Every structure is written in structure tokens, then in C-alpha cells.
Amino acid sequence: MKTFPWKTAVGVVLVGLMLFPVYWMFNVSLTRTGDLRADPPHWFPWNPTFEGYAAAFAQQLPALATSLFIGLGTVALTLVVALPAGFSLARLRPLGARGMDFLLLVAQMIPGVVMAMGFYAIYIRLGMLNTVPGLIVADSTLAVPFGVLLFRAFMASIPGELMAAAQIDGASTWRTFRSIILPLSRNSVITVSLFAFLWAWSDFIFASTLNRNSDVIPITLGIFRYIGNNTTQWNSIMATAVIASIPAAFLLVLAQRYIAAGVTAGAVKD
């Protein structure tokens, strides 16, 4: 008779510990206001209520829409910049390509707080403080270096014979990129798009620094202000957090097989 592996037991315990805050967030979101300070606490919502979700939708729906718009805008800007840049570094091999790779790696190591302060000084002069386009540009700076490096790694692994055949048929560099390279890069495009969206969706540093005085705010800043204004309505706060987590969880589940293929793209070259 096979025994239950102790490694599996340890793994189950660790996963349970990591997922417990998510469960507790969901539990509190369904707990009535009068039961929030119960001693001992209610480990399961025996008498659930959706008043927290009703309050969250009534007060935070504009912030959710703003975050969705910022996320999609960040994805679009990231792809517009990163796709041609990755293709250029991988296939056209411009002068200084190796140095550019190093600069992209360094760019990913710069703390977000430092970048936010730099954007603040620039946006004051350009009049872009407290604007949605300003947040889209700032959030894209997190995703573009990652996207360029990922696209470069994948596009470098595409057989050169494909590009040579296209050139023999009279295709220009742009036509080759659009008709051959882009369709083959689907997994990488989905991976970069997902990470760009999630970074923009969960951003708080740029939002709190560059958009703190605007009436149009993303959901992260909305939750922050909501906590300050409703410190006793924890069910509404947790309901907002649950709602804000759904798009990220849905996208991760939907695109997990593309992510696995996209992240490992270019790791092994034939």
C-alpha cells in the first residue's frame, strides 16, 4: 500500500498558507458588518450578505473602468514599441545591439519610486499630471523592457530561411515582419500583453504619485481612498479587492498555456 508522500503533505500545507489570505478576503467580503468584530471570528460566512459587493459596485465601478482603460492602453503602447524593437535587435542587428540589451536589463532594475519621481518632474513641465495618458506612458515603462527582451529572444530563434524566402519573393522588411514574424510570435505577444496588463492593473506607485489629485483614478488608488474613508466597512473593502482580483485571475487561467510557451520562447535554439 502506497503511503502519502510527506513532500506532498508539505506542499499542500504551504499552498494552503499562501491561499489563506485570499480565502479570508472572500470570507470577510460576505460577512455582515455586525459580525466583523466577532470573537472568535467567523471562519466561514454562515450568514452571508452581498451588501459589501453592492457598495463596491456603486462606489468603485468608475475606478474599475479606468483601470481597464489604462491596462488596455498600456498593452497597446507596449506592443507598438516592443515588437519592432525586438525584431530589430533580433534580425536586423543594428549597431550597439549588445549595449541595448544591457540597458534594457538595467532599466528593469530601477526602483519604481525612482521612476515615479522622474515622471513627476517631467509631467509637471508637460502638464500631464493627473491624466490617464500619463499613467499609460508610465506603466508602459515597466512592460516595454520586458517585452523587448522576450520578443528578441523568440525572434532570434526563428529560422533565418523563412526571412530569406520572403526576401526572394520580393517582400520588404516591413512585409516580412508583418506577414511572417508576427503570426509566429503569437505566444510571445499574448505573454507580453498579459504581463503589461497585470502590471498596469496592479500599479499603485505611479497612480499615487502621478494621479493623486484627479477625479479619474484606477482601482488601486480607489481601494486606498476607500480604506481611508470607510475604515469600519471591511466587507465593502474586501469585496472591492475580490472584484479587482477577478480580471487578473481570469486572464491567468485563460492564457496559462500561452504564457508557458511564451516565457520559454527562444530558450532553446535549434
Protein backbone atom coordinates (compact mmCIF):
# COMPACT_ATOMS: atom_id res chain seq x y z
CA MET A 1 0.00 0.00 0.00
CA LYS A 2 1.44 3.33 -1.01
CA THR A 3 1.92 5.87 1.74
CA PHE A 4 1.00 9.52 1.41
CA PRO A 5 4.26 11.28 0.41
CA TRP A 6 5.45 13.73 3.04
CA LYS A 7 6.57 16.13 0.31
CA THR A 8 3.01 16.27 -0.98
CA ALA A 9 1.73 16.99 2.53
CA VAL A 10 4.24 19.82 2.95
CA GLY A 11 3.26 21.20 -0.44
CA VAL A 12 -0.44 21.12 0.44
CA VAL A 13 0.23 22.93 3.73
CA LEU A 14 2.34 25.62 2.05
CA VAL A 15 -0.25 26.18 -0.69
CA GLY A 16 -2.96 26.40 1.97
CA LEU A 17 -0.97 29.03 3.88
CA MET A 18 -0.40 31.08 0.73
CA LEU A 19 -4.05 30.88 -0.32
CA PHE A 20 -5.49 31.57 3.12
CA PRO A 21 -5.33 35.40 2.73
CA VAL A 22 -7.32 35.03 -0.50
CA TYR A 23 -9.93 32.89 1.26
CA TRP A 24 -10.09 35.32 4.20
CA MET A 25 -10.59 38.23 1.82
CA PHE A 26 -13.52 36.39 0.25
CA ASN A 27 -14.88 35.38 3.67
CA VAL A 28 -14.83 38.93 5.03
CA SER A 29 -16.44 40.26 1.84
CA LEU A 30 -19.52 38.13 2.63
CA THR A 31 -19.59 38.86 6.36
CA ARG A 32 -22.20 41.17 7.81
CA THR A 33 -20.96 44.42 9.35
CA GLY A 34 -22.18 43.41 12.80
CA ASP A 35 -20.19 40.15 12.68
CA LEU A 36 -16.86 41.63 11.62
CA ARG A 37 -15.63 42.04 15.19
CA ALA A 38 -16.98 38.73 16.46
CA ASP A 39 -14.76 36.84 18.94
CA PRO A 40 -13.86 34.23 17.89
CA PRO A 41 -14.08 35.32 14.24
CA HIS A 42 -16.36 33.56 11.79
CA TRP A 43 -14.15 31.19 9.82
CA PHE A 44 -16.95 30.60 7.30
CA PRO A 45 -19.68 33.03 6.14
CA TRP A 46 -22.61 31.14 7.68
CA ASN A 47 -24.91 34.12 7.26
CA PRO A 48 -23.56 35.72 4.06
CA THR A 49 -24.52 39.12 2.73
CA PHE A 50 -23.80 40.87 -0.54
CA GLU A 51 -24.07 44.38 0.86
CA GLY A 52 -20.29 44.77 0.53
CA TYR A 53 -20.43 43.94 -3.18
CA ALA A 54 -23.36 46.29 -3.70
CA ALA A 55 -21.39 49.12 -2.10
CA ALA A 56 -18.26 48.22 -4.06
CA PHE A 57 -20.05 48.29 -7.42
CA ALA A 58 -21.85 51.51 -6.54
CA GLN A 59 -18.69 53.35 -5.49
CA GLN A 60 -15.79 51.70 -7.33
CA LEU A 61 -17.22 50.89 -10.78
CA PRO A 62 -15.72 54.07 -12.38
CA ALA A 63 -12.31 53.18 -10.93
CA LEU A 64 -12.57 49.66 -12.38
CA ALA A 65 -13.39 51.10 -15.79
CA THR A 66 -10.44 53.49 -15.52
CA SER A 67 -8.07 50.64 -14.65
CA LEU A 68 -9.39 48.62 -17.58
CA PHE A 69 -8.77 51.52 -19.96
CA ILE A 70 -5.27 52.12 -18.54
CA GLY A 71 -4.46 48.41 -18.80
CA LEU A 72 -5.56 48.15 -22.43
CA GLY A 73 -3.76 51.37 -23.31
CA THR A 74 -0.58 50.07 -21.68
CA VAL A 75 -0.84 46.83 -23.65
CA ALA A 76 -1.28 48.71 -26.94
CA LEU A 77 1.62 51.10 -26.30
CA THR A 78 3.88 48.29 -25.11
CA LEU A 79 3.27 46.18 -28.22
CA VAL A 80 3.69 49.14 -30.58
CA VAL A 81 7.11 49.89 -29.09
CA ALA A 82 8.38 46.43 -28.08
CA LEU A 83 7.51 44.41 -31.18
CA PRO A 84 9.50 46.45 -33.73
CA ALA A 85 12.33 46.94 -31.22
CA GLY A 86 12.59 43.22 -30.52
CA PHE A 87 12.52 42.43 -34.22
CA SER A 88 15.22 44.98 -34.94
CA LEU A 89 17.54 43.67 -32.23
CA ALA A 90 16.96 40.04 -33.21
CA ARG A 91 17.00 40.09 -37.01
CA LEU A 92 18.39 43.43 -38.22
CA ARG A 93 21.26 43.53 -35.71
CA PRO A 94 21.77 47.31 -35.56
CA LEU A 95 24.96 48.88 -34.25
CA GLY A 96 25.04 48.76 -30.45
CA ALA A 97 22.54 45.91 -30.09
CA ARG A 98 24.53 44.26 -27.28
CA GLY A 99 24.68 47.52 -25.36
CA MET A 100 20.95 47.95 -25.83
CA ASP A 101 20.31 44.55 -24.25
CA PHE A 102 22.34 45.60 -21.24
CA LEU A 103 20.45 48.90 -20.94
CA LEU A 104 17.13 47.08 -21.06
CA LEU A 105 18.24 44.80 -18.22
CA VAL A 106 19.36 47.80 -16.18
CA ALA A 107 16.05 49.55 -16.85
CA GLN A 108 14.20 46.66 -15.23
CA MET A 109 16.27 47.07 -12.06
CA ILE A 110 15.42 50.74 -11.47
CA PRO A 111 13.07 51.04 -8.46
CA GLY A 112 9.58 52.19 -9.31
CA VAL A 113 9.77 55.00 -6.73
CA VAL A 114 12.77 56.50 -8.51
CA MET A 115 10.98 56.34 -11.86
CA ALA A 116 7.85 57.87 -10.37
CA MET A 117 9.82 60.86 -9.07
CA GLY A 118 11.37 61.33 -12.50
CA PHE A 119 7.99 61.17 -14.22
CA TYR A 120 6.60 63.65 -11.68
CA ALA A 121 9.25 66.22 -12.56
CA ILE A 122 8.70 65.70 -16.30
CA TYR A 123 4.90 65.69 -16.12
CA ILE A 124 4.82 68.99 -14.24
CA ARG A 125 6.53 70.66 -17.20
CA LEU A 126 4.40 68.85 -19.78
CA GLY A 127 1.09 69.31 -17.97
CA MET A 128 0.46 65.54 -17.84
CA LEU A 129 -0.08 65.18 -14.10
CA ASN A 130 -3.44 63.69 -13.10
CA THR A 131 -4.13 62.37 -16.61
CA VAL A 132 -4.89 58.87 -17.84
CA PRO A 133 -2.43 59.10 -20.80
CA GLY A 134 0.28 59.99 -18.31
CA LEU A 135 -0.38 56.80 -16.36
CA ILE A 136 -0.41 54.73 -19.56
CA VAL A 137 3.02 56.03 -20.54
CA ALA A 138 4.42 55.50 -17.04
CA ASP A 139 3.05 51.95 -16.74
CA SER A 140 4.43 51.09 -20.18
CA THR A 141 7.97 51.76 -18.97
CA LEU A 142 7.65 48.67 -16.78
CA ALA A 143 6.49 46.42 -19.61
CA VAL A 144 8.49 47.66 -22.61
CA PRO A 145 11.95 46.42 -21.47
CA PHE A 146 10.50 43.02 -20.59
CA GLY A 147 8.65 42.87 -23.91
CA VAL A 148 11.67 43.83 -26.00
CA LEU A 149 13.87 41.21 -24.35
CA LEU A 150 11.23 38.49 -24.70
CA PHE A 151 10.49 39.33 -28.34
CA ARG A 152 14.19 39.48 -29.13
CA ALA A 153 14.79 36.03 -27.63
CA PHE A 154 11.91 34.49 -29.56
CA MET A 155 12.51 36.21 -32.89
CA ALA A 156 16.18 35.28 -32.80
CA SER A 157 15.13 31.61 -32.70
CA ILE A 158 13.01 31.87 -35.86
CA PRO A 159 14.83 30.16 -38.75
CA GLY A 160 16.55 32.66 -41.00
CA GLU A 161 15.42 30.66 -44.02
CA LEU A 162 11.89 32.00 -43.57
CA MET A 163 13.07 35.59 -43.89
CA ALA A 164 15.36 34.69 -46.80
CA ALA A 165 12.46 33.03 -48.65
CA ALA A 166 10.30 36.11 -48.11
CA GLN A 167 13.03 38.39 -49.42
CA ILE A 168 13.45 36.20 -52.50
CA ASP A 169 9.72 36.58 -53.14
CA GLY A 170 10.17 40.35 -53.04
CA ALA A 171 8.84 41.03 -49.55
CA SER A 172 10.17 44.14 -47.84
CA THR A 173 11.44 44.10 -44.26
CA TRP A 174 8.14 45.53 -43.03
CA ARG A 175 6.12 42.95 -45.02
CA THR A 176 8.28 40.14 -43.65
CA PHE A 177 7.77 41.41 -40.11
CA ARG A 178 4.02 41.81 -40.55
CA SER A 179 3.23 38.64 -42.51
CA ILE A 180 5.74 36.13 -41.15
CA ILE A 181 7.28 37.21 -37.84
CA LEU A 182 4.11 38.50 -36.15
CA PRO A 183 1.96 35.38 -36.77
CA LEU A 184 4.77 33.16 -35.46
CA SER A 185 5.11 35.35 -32.35
CA ARG A 186 1.56 34.78 -31.09
CA ASN A 187 2.55 33.15 -27.79
CA SER A 188 5.10 35.85 -27.03
CA VAL A 189 2.60 38.60 -27.88
CA ILE A 190 0.00 37.10 -25.54
CA THR A 191 2.58 36.73 -22.77
CA VAL A 192 3.80 40.31 -23.02
CA SER A 193 0.23 41.62 -23.31
CA LEU A 194 -0.84 39.77 -20.19
CA PHE A 195 2.09 40.93 -18.08
CA ALA A 196 1.71 44.51 -19.32
CA PHE A 197 -1.98 44.49 -18.43
CA LEU A 198 -1.38 42.99 -14.98
CA TRP A 199 1.39 45.48 -14.18
CA ALA A 200 -0.87 48.37 -15.17
CA TRP A 201 -3.88 46.88 -13.37
CA SER A 202 -1.98 46.43 -10.09
CA ASP A 203 0.10 49.62 -10.22
CA PHE A 204 -0.06 51.79 -7.13
CA ILE A 205 3.23 53.73 -7.08
CA PHE A 206 2.65 55.62 -10.34
CA ALA A 207 -1.05 56.12 -9.59
CA SER A 208 -0.43 57.56 -6.12
CA THR A 209 2.39 59.79 -7.35
CA LEU A 210 1.16 60.98 -10.74
CA ASN A 211 -2.64 60.84 -10.37
CA ARG A 212 -3.40 61.51 -6.71
CA ASN A 213 -5.42 64.71 -7.24
CA SER A 214 -7.52 63.53 -10.19
CA ASP A 215 -11.19 62.62 -10.13
CA VAL A 216 -10.48 59.76 -12.57
CA ILE A 217 -8.47 57.19 -10.61
CA PRO A 218 -7.55 53.50 -11.08
CA ILE A 219 -8.88 50.79 -8.79
CA THR A 220 -5.70 50.53 -6.69
CA LEU A 221 -5.96 54.18 -5.71
CA GLY A 222 -9.71 53.75 -5.29
CA ILE A 223 -9.19 50.98 -2.73
CA PHE A 224 -6.60 53.11 -0.93
CA ARG A 225 -9.01 56.04 -0.66
CA TYR A 226 -11.86 53.70 0.19
CA ILE A 227 -9.95 52.34 3.18
CA GLY A 228 -9.29 55.87 4.38
CA ASN A 229 -12.96 56.85 4.08
CA ASN A 230 -14.58 53.60 5.26
CA THR A 231 -12.27 52.08 7.87
CA THR A 232 -15.17 50.22 9.56
CA GLN A 233 -16.76 48.73 6.42
CA TRP A 234 -14.24 45.97 5.87
CA ASN A 235 -16.74 43.82 3.99
CA SER A 236 -17.01 46.53 1.32
CA ILE A 237 -13.25 46.92 1.20
CA MET A 238 -12.68 43.19 0.79
CA ALA A 239 -15.48 42.95 -1.77
CA THR A 240 -13.70 45.62 -3.82
CA ALA A 241 -10.46 43.65 -3.54
CA VAL A 242 -12.21 40.47 -4.70
CA ILE A 243 -13.74 42.25 -7.69
CA ALA A 244 -10.37 43.78 -8.60
CA SER A 245 -8.72 40.33 -8.43
CA ILE A 246 -11.16 38.63 -10.80
CA PRO A 247 -9.79 40.04 -14.12
CA ALA A 248 -6.21 39.07 -13.22
CA ALA A 249 -7.20 35.55 -12.16
CA PHE A 250 -9.40 35.09 -15.23
CA LEU A 251 -6.66 36.20 -17.63
CA LEU A 252 -4.05 33.99 -15.97
CA VAL A 253 -6.26 30.92 -16.21
CA LEU A 254 -7.29 31.71 -19.78
CA ALA A 255 -3.77 32.33 -21.07
CA GLN A 256 -1.67 29.98 -18.95
CA ARG A 257 -0.68 27.68 -21.82
CA TYR A 258 0.35 30.66 -23.94
CA ILE A 259 2.37 32.08 -21.04
CA ALA A 260 4.30 28.84 -20.58
CA ALA A 261 5.15 28.77 -24.28
CA GLY A 262 5.87 32.49 -24.48
CA VAL A 263 8.17 32.74 -21.47
CA THR A 264 10.29 29.80 -22.65
CA ALA A 265 10.36 31.02 -26.26
CA GLY A 266 13.89 31.27 -27.51
CA ALA A 267 15.34 29.38 -24.53
CA VAL A 268 16.48 26.57 -26.82
CA LYS A 269 17.71 27.32 -30.31
CA ASP A 270 17.72 24.57 -32.91
